[in-house]
Protein backbone atom coordinates (compact mmCIF):
# COMPACT_ATOMS: atom_id res chain seq x y z
CA MET A 1 132.01 123.88 115.29
CA ASN A 2 133.47 120.47 114.35
CA ALA A 3 132.43 119.11 117.86
CA LEU A 4 129.65 116.52 117.59
CA PRO A 5 126.33 117.42 119.29
CA PRO A 6 125.72 115.51 122.57
CA GLY A 7 124.57 111.99 121.95
CA TYR A 8 126.22 111.53 118.61
CA SER A 9 129.40 109.68 117.58
CA GLU A 10 131.71 109.58 114.53
CA PRO A 11 129.77 106.84 112.72
CA ASP A 12 126.70 109.09 112.77
CA VAL A 13 128.45 111.76 110.70
CA GLU A 14 129.98 109.34 108.13
CA ARG A 15 128.87 109.68 104.51
CA TRP A 16 128.46 106.92 101.94
CA ILE A 17 131.26 108.53 100.00
CA ALA A 18 133.87 110.23 102.09
CA GLU A 19 134.25 114.01 101.38
CA PRO A 20 137.31 116.15 101.82
CA PRO A 21 137.34 118.22 105.05
CA LYS A 22 135.50 121.57 104.90
CA ALA A 23 135.56 124.78 106.79
CA ALA A 24 134.28 124.41 110.29
CA GLN A 25 131.54 127.02 110.26
CA ARG A 26 128.80 124.37 110.00
CA THR A 27 128.24 120.94 111.55
CA PRO A 28 127.73 117.95 109.20
CA PHE A 29 124.03 117.90 110.11
CA GLU A 30 123.69 121.57 109.22
CA ARG A 31 125.20 120.73 105.80
CA ASP A 32 122.69 117.92 105.35
CA ARG A 33 119.77 120.22 105.93
CA ALA A 34 121.30 122.82 103.55
CA ARG A 35 121.62 120.20 100.78
CA ILE A 36 117.93 119.35 101.05
CA VAL A 37 116.88 122.98 101.16
CA HIS A 38 118.88 123.69 97.96
CA SER A 39 117.74 120.51 96.14
CA SER A 40 115.68 120.58 93.02
CA ALA A 41 113.47 117.93 94.48
CA LEU A 42 112.32 120.15 97.22
CA ARG A 43 111.53 123.01 94.89
CA ARG A 44 109.35 120.69 92.77
CA LEU A 45 107.19 119.93 95.83
CA GLY A 46 105.81 123.44 95.42
CA ALA A 47 103.87 122.24 92.42
CA LYS A 48 102.79 118.78 93.72
CA THR A 49 99.40 117.99 95.32
CA GLN A 50 99.25 117.57 99.07
CA VAL A 51 95.55 116.78 99.57
CA LEU A 52 93.59 119.38 97.56
CA GLY A 53 94.50 119.91 93.93
CA LEU A 54 96.56 122.94 93.04
CA GLY A 55 93.50 124.67 91.37
CA SER A 56 91.39 124.39 94.53
CA GLY A 57 92.34 127.78 95.80
CA ASP A 58 94.97 130.49 95.84
CA PHE A 59 96.39 129.40 99.24
CA VAL A 60 95.91 125.66 99.17
CA ARG A 61 98.67 123.58 100.74
CA THR A 62 101.22 121.93 98.52
CA ARG A 63 103.69 119.23 99.32
CA LEU A 64 106.23 121.97 99.89
CA THR A 65 104.19 123.97 102.36
CA HIS A 66 103.21 120.79 104.18
CA SER A 67 106.91 119.80 104.35
CA LEU A 68 107.74 123.21 105.77
CA GLU A 69 105.08 122.83 108.47
CA VAL A 70 106.24 119.32 109.35
CA ALA A 71 109.72 120.67 109.67
CA GLN A 72 108.65 123.41 112.04
CA VAL A 73 106.83 120.95 114.29
CA GLY A 74 109.53 118.39 114.17
CA ARG A 75 112.48 120.72 114.71
CA GLU A 76 110.92 122.16 117.88
CA LEU A 77 109.96 118.77 119.27
CA GLY A 78 113.24 117.21 118.45
CA LYS A 79 115.22 120.16 119.93
CA ALA A 80 113.23 119.85 123.19
CA LEU A 81 113.93 116.14 123.40
CA GLY A 82 117.70 116.57 123.01
CA CYS A 83 118.26 115.18 119.43
CA SER A 84 119.83 117.25 116.72
CA PRO A 85 117.18 119.70 115.40
CA ASP A 86 119.03 119.84 112.18
CA ILE A 87 118.75 116.09 111.53
CA VAL A 88 114.96 116.20 112.30
CA ASP A 89 114.51 119.35 110.24
CA ALA A 90 116.34 117.65 107.27
CA ALA A 91 114.27 114.52 107.63
CA CYS A 92 111.06 116.44 107.75
CA LEU A 93 111.95 118.50 104.68
CA ALA A 94 112.97 115.36 102.82
CA HIS A 95 110.11 113.02 103.95
CA ASP A 96 107.93 113.68 100.84
CA LEU A 97 110.63 114.24 98.23
CA GLY A 98 109.87 110.98 96.52
CA HIS A 99 106.09 111.49 96.21
CA PRO A 100 104.87 111.73 92.57
CA PRO A 101 102.38 114.05 90.96
CA PHE A 102 98.77 113.95 92.33
CA GLY A 103 99.59 112.93 95.81
CA HIS A 104 98.71 109.46 97.09
CA ASN A 105 96.48 108.99 94.09
CA GLY A 106 99.54 109.17 91.87
CA GLU A 107 101.44 106.90 94.20
CA ARG A 108 98.85 104.14 93.83
CA ALA A 109 98.94 104.53 90.14
CA LEU A 110 102.70 104.11 89.96
CA ASP A 111 102.59 101.22 92.38
CA LYS A 112 100.29 99.39 89.97
CA VAL A 113 102.47 100.16 86.92
CA ALA A 114 105.59 98.98 88.77
CA LYS A 115 104.05 95.88 90.41
CA ASP A 116 106.36 93.46 88.58
CA ILE A 117 109.55 95.41 89.38
CA GLY A 118 109.11 95.77 93.17
CA GLY A 119 106.27 98.35 93.17
CA PHE A 120 106.33 102.06 93.90
CA GLU A 121 106.29 103.67 97.40
CA GLY A 122 106.80 107.31 98.01
CA ASN A 123 109.11 106.74 101.03
CA ALA A 124 111.25 104.23 99.15
CA GLN A 125 111.43 106.66 96.31
CA THR A 126 112.58 109.40 98.78
CA LEU A 127 115.54 107.26 99.80
CA ARG A 128 116.34 106.50 96.15
CA LEU A 129 116.17 110.22 95.35
CA VAL A 130 118.51 111.39 98.18
CA THR A 131 121.01 108.56 97.59
CA ARG A 132 120.96 108.27 93.83
CA LEU A 133 118.73 110.57 91.75
CA GLU A 134 119.23 114.07 93.08
CA PRO A 135 122.26 115.68 91.46
CA LYS A 136 124.86 116.78 94.07
CA SER A 137 127.63 114.23 94.65
CA VAL A 138 129.37 111.65 92.53
CA ASP A 139 131.49 108.62 93.51
CA PRO A 140 134.82 109.37 92.06
CA ALA A 141 135.67 105.72 91.74
CA THR A 142 132.72 104.74 89.63
CA GLY A 143 131.39 108.07 88.26
CA ARG A 144 127.90 107.11 89.67
CA SER A 145 125.71 109.69 91.39
CA VAL A 146 125.26 109.17 95.10
CA GLY A 147 122.57 111.84 95.42
CA LEU A 148 122.99 114.35 98.27
CA ASN A 149 125.52 112.03 100.12
CA LEU A 150 123.92 112.79 103.49
CA THR A 151 125.38 111.53 106.76
CA ARG A 152 124.40 108.16 108.10
CA ALA A 153 122.30 109.77 110.93
CA SER A 154 120.35 112.08 108.54
CA LEU A 155 119.64 109.27 106.04
CA ASP A 156 118.45 107.00 108.89
CA ALA A 157 116.10 109.75 109.98
CA VAL A 158 114.62 110.06 106.47
CA VAL A 159 113.64 106.29 106.48
CA LYS A 160 110.09 106.21 107.71
CA TYR A 161 109.56 102.50 106.91
CA PRO A 162 112.93 100.76 107.62
CA TRP A 163 112.13 97.51 105.81
CA ARG A 164 111.98 96.04 102.31
CA GLU A 165 108.73 95.47 100.33
CA PRO A 166 108.41 91.72 101.24
CA ALA A 167 108.53 92.65 105.00
CA ALA A 168 105.69 95.33 104.71
CA PRO A 169 103.30 94.90 107.73
CA LEU A 170 99.82 93.68 107.26
CA ARG A 171 96.60 95.55 108.03
CA PRO A 172 94.31 94.08 110.69
CA ASP A 173 92.34 92.34 107.91
CA GLY A 174 95.52 90.63 106.67
CA THR A 175 96.04 92.61 103.56
CA PRO A 176 99.49 94.23 102.87
CA THR A 177 99.91 97.85 103.68
CA ARG A 178 102.25 98.54 100.69
CA LYS A 179 104.39 100.63 103.01
CA PHE A 180 108.12 100.06 102.76
CA GLY A 181 111.21 102.07 102.71
CA VAL A 182 113.66 100.65 100.13
CA TYR A 183 113.69 99.12 96.67
CA GLU A 184 115.87 96.05 96.20
CA ASP A 185 118.41 97.81 94.02
CA ASP A 186 118.95 100.43 96.72
CA LEU A 187 119.76 97.85 99.46
CA PRO A 188 123.50 98.49 99.67
CA VAL A 189 123.17 102.08 100.90
CA PHE A 190 120.18 101.11 103.04
CA GLU A 191 122.08 98.43 104.85
CA TRP A 192 124.97 100.82 105.35
CA LEU A 193 122.81 103.66 106.81
CA ARG A 194 121.10 101.10 109.14
CA GLU A 195 124.35 99.95 110.70
CA GLY A 196 123.88 100.07 114.45
CA SER A 197 120.13 99.81 114.27
CA VAL A 198 118.06 96.88 115.65
CA GLY A 199 115.56 95.17 113.33
CA THR A 200 112.96 97.41 111.83
CA HIS A 201 113.02 100.02 114.62
CA GLN A 202 113.01 103.59 113.45
CA SER A 203 115.75 105.88 114.67
CA PHE A 204 114.59 108.39 117.27
CA GLU A 205 114.91 111.20 114.79
CA ALA A 206 112.74 109.31 112.28
CA GLN A 207 110.15 108.80 115.05
CA VAL A 208 110.08 112.51 115.68
CA MET A 209 109.73 113.21 111.94
CA ASP A 210 106.99 110.64 111.64
CA VAL A 211 104.90 112.00 114.48
CA ALA A 212 105.41 115.56 113.28
CA ASP A 213 104.06 114.43 109.87
CA ASP A 214 101.06 112.83 111.58
CA ILE A 215 100.38 115.87 113.71
CA SER A 216 100.74 118.35 110.76
CA TYR A 217 98.58 116.60 108.20
CA SER A 218 95.85 115.54 110.69
CA VAL A 219 95.40 119.15 111.88
CA HIS A 220 96.00 120.92 108.58
CA ASP A 221 93.74 118.57 106.53
CA VAL A 222 90.86 119.42 108.91
CA GLU A 223 91.73 123.10 108.52
CA ASP A 224 91.61 122.79 104.66
CA SER A 225 88.39 120.87 104.84
CA ILE A 226 86.82 123.65 106.69
CA VAL A 227 88.18 126.45 104.54
CA TYR A 228 87.85 124.89 101.08
CA ARG A 229 85.00 122.43 101.53
CA ALA A 230 82.83 124.50 103.87
CA VAL A 231 82.81 121.76 106.44
CA LYS A 232 81.35 122.86 109.82
CA LEU A 233 82.60 120.93 112.84
CA SER A 234 79.22 121.64 114.44
CA VAL A 235 77.78 118.70 112.41
CA LEU A 236 79.77 116.34 114.64
CA ARG A 237 77.23 117.10 117.39
CA ASP A 238 75.13 114.58 115.49
CA PRO A 239 75.97 111.07 116.84
CA GLY A 240 75.43 109.58 113.37
CA GLN A 241 77.96 111.89 111.80
CA ALA A 242 80.39 111.35 114.55
CA ARG A 243 80.16 107.51 114.14
CA ALA A 244 80.59 107.93 110.34
CA VAL A 245 83.79 109.76 110.94
CA VAL A 246 85.04 107.02 113.27
CA GLU A 247 84.22 104.36 110.62
CA HIS A 248 86.12 106.16 107.99
CA ALA A 249 89.18 106.68 110.37
CA ARG A 250 89.25 102.91 111.04
CA GLU A 251 88.60 101.92 107.44
CA TRP A 252 91.51 104.11 106.10
CA TYR A 253 94.00 103.87 108.93
CA GLY A 254 93.20 100.73 110.86
CA GLY A 255 94.75 100.54 114.27
CA ALA A 256 93.84 98.83 117.51
CA THR A 257 91.78 101.63 119.01
CA ASP A 258 88.10 100.85 119.33
CA ASP A 259 85.21 102.98 118.31
CA ASP A 260 84.36 104.16 121.84
CA ALA A 261 87.86 105.51 122.37
CA LEU A 262 87.74 107.46 119.14
CA LEU A 263 84.38 108.92 120.08
CA ALA A 264 85.70 109.82 123.42
CA ALA A 265 88.69 111.56 121.73
CA LEU A 266 86.25 113.66 119.70
CA GLU A 267 84.30 114.56 122.75
CA ARG A 268 87.48 115.68 124.60
CA LEU A 269 88.40 117.95 121.71
CA ARG A 270 84.87 119.37 121.48
CA THR A 271 85.00 120.52 125.11
CA PHE A 272 87.81 123.02 124.48
CA GLN A 273 86.83 126.66 124.02
CA TRP A 274 89.20 126.87 121.02
CA TRP A 275 87.33 124.13 119.14
CA ALA A 276 86.17 126.12 116.03
CA GLU A 277 82.71 124.70 115.28
CA ASP A 278 81.19 127.50 113.23
CA TYR A 279 83.46 128.86 110.56
CA ASP A 280 81.97 131.38 108.21
CA GLY A 281 84.96 132.78 106.35
CA THR A 282 85.19 136.12 108.20
CA ARG A 283 88.52 137.33 109.54
CA GLU A 284 87.41 136.58 113.12
CA SER A 285 86.53 132.92 112.23
CA LEU A 286 89.84 132.55 110.24
CA ALA A 287 91.67 133.68 113.36
CA ALA A 288 89.68 131.22 115.54
CA LEU A 289 90.49 128.42 113.07
CA LYS A 290 94.16 129.27 113.13
CA ASP A 291 94.07 129.34 116.86
CA MET A 292 92.50 125.83 116.92
CA THR A 293 95.31 124.48 114.68
CA SER A 294 97.93 126.04 117.02
CA GLN A 295 96.25 124.64 120.17
CA LEU A 296 96.03 121.12 118.63
CA ILE A 297 99.73 121.08 117.55
CA GLY A 298 100.82 122.43 120.96
CA ARG A 299 98.56 119.95 122.74
CA PHE A 300 99.91 116.93 120.85
CA ALA A 301 103.59 117.98 121.00
CA GLN A 302 103.37 118.71 124.83
CA GLY A 303 101.77 115.37 125.47
CA ILE A 304 104.50 113.57 123.53
CA PHE A 305 107.27 115.57 125.22
CA ASP A 306 105.88 114.93 128.68
CA ALA A 307 105.50 111.16 128.15
CA THR A 308 108.84 110.68 126.51
CA ARG A 309 110.73 112.58 129.24
CA ALA A 310 108.83 110.72 131.95
CA GLN A 311 110.17 107.46 130.49
CA HIS A 312 113.69 108.51 129.55
CA GLY A 313 114.43 111.45 131.94
CA ASP A 314 116.54 114.41 130.98
CA GLY A 315 119.51 114.52 128.60
CA PRO A 316 119.91 113.97 124.85
CA LEU A 317 117.79 111.27 123.16
CA THR A 318 119.28 110.18 119.86
CA ARG A 319 119.44 107.56 117.11
CA HIS A 320 118.88 104.08 118.51
CA HIS A 321 119.24 104.91 122.20
CA ALA A 322 115.65 105.92 123.02
CA SER A 323 112.06 105.61 121.70
CA LEU A 324 109.50 108.33 121.39
CA VAL A 325 106.45 107.85 123.62
CA VAL A 326 103.16 108.87 122.21
CA PRO A 327 100.20 108.68 124.74
CA GLN A 328 97.18 106.69 123.60
CA ASP A 329 94.91 109.69 124.12
CA THR A 330 97.16 111.68 121.68
CA LEU A 331 97.03 108.84 119.14
CA ASP A 332 93.27 108.70 119.41
CA GLU A 333 92.89 112.42 118.96
CA ILE A 334 95.11 112.48 115.87
CA MET A 335 93.26 109.53 114.49
CA ILE A 336 89.78 111.25 114.89
CA LEU A 337 91.15 114.35 113.11
CA LYS A 338 92.31 112.10 110.25
CA GLY A 339 88.83 110.61 110.21
CA ILE A 340 87.20 114.00 109.86
CA ALA A 341 89.42 114.81 106.88
CA VAL A 342 88.75 111.42 105.29
CA HIS A 343 84.95 111.68 105.82
CA PHE A 344 84.45 115.11 104.51
CA LEU A 345 87.35 115.55 102.01
CA MET A 346 89.15 112.43 100.88
CA ALA A 347 86.61 109.68 100.63
CA PRO A 348 84.08 111.66 98.54
CA ARG A 349 86.70 112.33 95.84
CA GLU A 350 87.83 108.76 95.47
CA THR A 351 85.32 108.00 92.69
CA SER A 352 85.57 111.40 90.96
CA PRO A 353 86.42 111.50 87.19
CA THR A 354 89.45 113.74 87.88
CA TYR A 355 90.98 111.08 90.19
CA GLY A 356 90.56 108.39 87.55
CA LYS A 357 92.06 110.68 84.92
CA GLN A 358 95.11 111.36 87.07
CA ARG A 359 95.78 107.71 87.45
CA ARG A 360 95.40 107.04 83.70
CA VAL A 361 97.66 109.95 82.84
CA LEU A 362 100.55 108.49 84.89
CA ARG A 363 99.98 104.97 83.72
CA GLU A 364 99.97 105.93 80.04
CA LEU A 365 102.93 108.32 80.44
CA VAL A 366 105.14 105.63 82.08
CA ALA A 367 104.34 103.28 79.28
CA ALA A 368 105.05 105.91 76.59
CA LEU A 369 108.43 106.87 78.11
CA ALA A 370 109.48 103.23 78.60
CA ASP A 371 108.75 102.70 74.93
CA ARG A 372 110.21 105.88 73.53
CA GLY A 373 113.33 105.67 75.66
CA ALA A 374 116.14 108.10 76.36
CA ASP A 375 115.15 110.64 73.71
CA ALA A 376 111.90 111.36 75.54
CA MET A 377 113.53 111.85 78.97
CA GLU A 378 115.43 114.55 80.74
CA PRO A 379 119.24 114.16 80.35
CA GLN A 380 119.92 112.66 83.74
CA PHE A 381 117.23 110.03 83.25
CA ALA A 382 118.29 109.44 79.67
CA VAL A 383 121.74 108.35 81.01
CA ASP A 384 120.13 105.94 83.39
CA TYR A 385 117.88 104.55 80.57
CA ARG A 386 120.89 103.93 78.29
CA ALA A 387 122.82 102.21 81.11
CA ALA A 388 119.94 99.98 82.01
CA SER A 389 120.54 96.25 81.52
CA GLY A 390 117.01 95.05 80.75
CA ASP A 391 113.38 95.91 80.51
CA ALA A 392 112.79 95.93 84.25
CA GLU A 393 115.59 98.47 84.73
CA ARG A 394 114.30 100.49 81.90
CA LEU A 395 110.81 100.54 83.37
CA ARG A 396 112.17 101.66 86.72
CA VAL A 397 113.93 104.63 84.96
CA ALA A 398 110.67 105.60 83.37
CA VAL A 399 108.88 105.52 86.72
CA ASP A 400 111.72 107.57 88.20
CA GLN A 401 111.26 110.12 85.49
CA VAL A 402 107.49 110.33 85.89
CA ALA A 403 107.68 110.49 89.68
CA SER A 404 109.93 113.45 89.47
CA LEU A 405 107.34 115.54 87.59
CA THR A 406 105.01 118.15 89.01
CA ASP A 407 101.25 117.92 88.57
CA THR A 408 101.30 120.40 85.67
CA SER A 409 104.26 118.92 83.91
CA ALA A 410 102.75 115.46 84.16
CA TYR A 411 99.76 116.70 82.14
CA ASN A 412 102.01 118.48 79.70
CA TRP A 413 104.18 115.49 79.16
CA HIS A 414 101.19 113.21 78.70
CA HIS A 415 99.79 115.60 76.10
CA LYS A 416 103.12 115.63 74.29
CA TYR A 417 103.73 111.90 74.26
CA CYS A 418 100.29 110.37 74.60
CA GLY A 419 97.87 112.87 73.02
CA GLN A 420 94.84 114.48 74.55
CA ALA A 421 94.19 113.31 78.21
């Protein structure tokens, strides 16, 4: 079992801190996946918002269930393409570990709070968590936590945006995307894990994780919009509604695809017999809706598999030796699904009082913890706060603490330290 999977070499299984040899029942990549499965950060995702708030329904998706769905899609696609399914599985399970309470709404709030110390980004926070904050391994030379101490290949697969904040790409209108994968004080481990890479190119396993995430949330957000917001896809027969969806897709996600291509993608999907236009909550319509999600996931994954194999041929595709190929039609169909969810679910709530309250709760809580200091924090963060060398480092610790909280604990902590929300 110590033999490396095809396509991988010794540098791929190196860890930031070398570990003593272990029994040979599992590969290093299987150990990586197990460390994530058993992490406290993964458990906390069960009480963090994905898209709909946790009180929206008994069976609403959370960050944890979303991550499990991404892992299922990613593992199967990665396995079919010849990269380690355990690396892809681990990356998919880990990809949202750094996300704070209240989903992307909370992420924006913490980015504003942290604007003078390098900002906040959920993916950069994920890298920080798996290499520093999550308690598992300690550097014996310094006594400092090194997080889960994953292998180089698994860490590289976790990095969705392999660049620093100053190098974040711009939107078509020239404004920054605020998407980046590492904070400045985590650069040493980032540079180590990126050894052997070229520029800002994702590893192959990270590309599989990234597209599995796109497939999962585009399909499942539409499913949740239908079930919990009573959206009927039949309204998209109206050309005006269809164009409004396209406009929202381009407004939120940008991209080079023109409106006509997105409308054509919608029409392609609407021609399939499994396109569930008239959901009414019955068991039959629930089954039809679930069949639609399965058909969509299978359609996207098959298109990507076929295109990638057509370019690279058979054999293992790993690390920085291949690139995933996603057909333009697939990109357009994923984009239009995202637009449906934005139009009917996400955009209408942006101005809701609850959303404003969530952002205020996180801003005020960070300020309160930064002011109160170690005594108001969990022990592991209290140690970081006492070791901080200045106000900027202390603020980062407060942000780390708040980002780790679940939705409910964020409200509870705010009530304790800030008063009534």
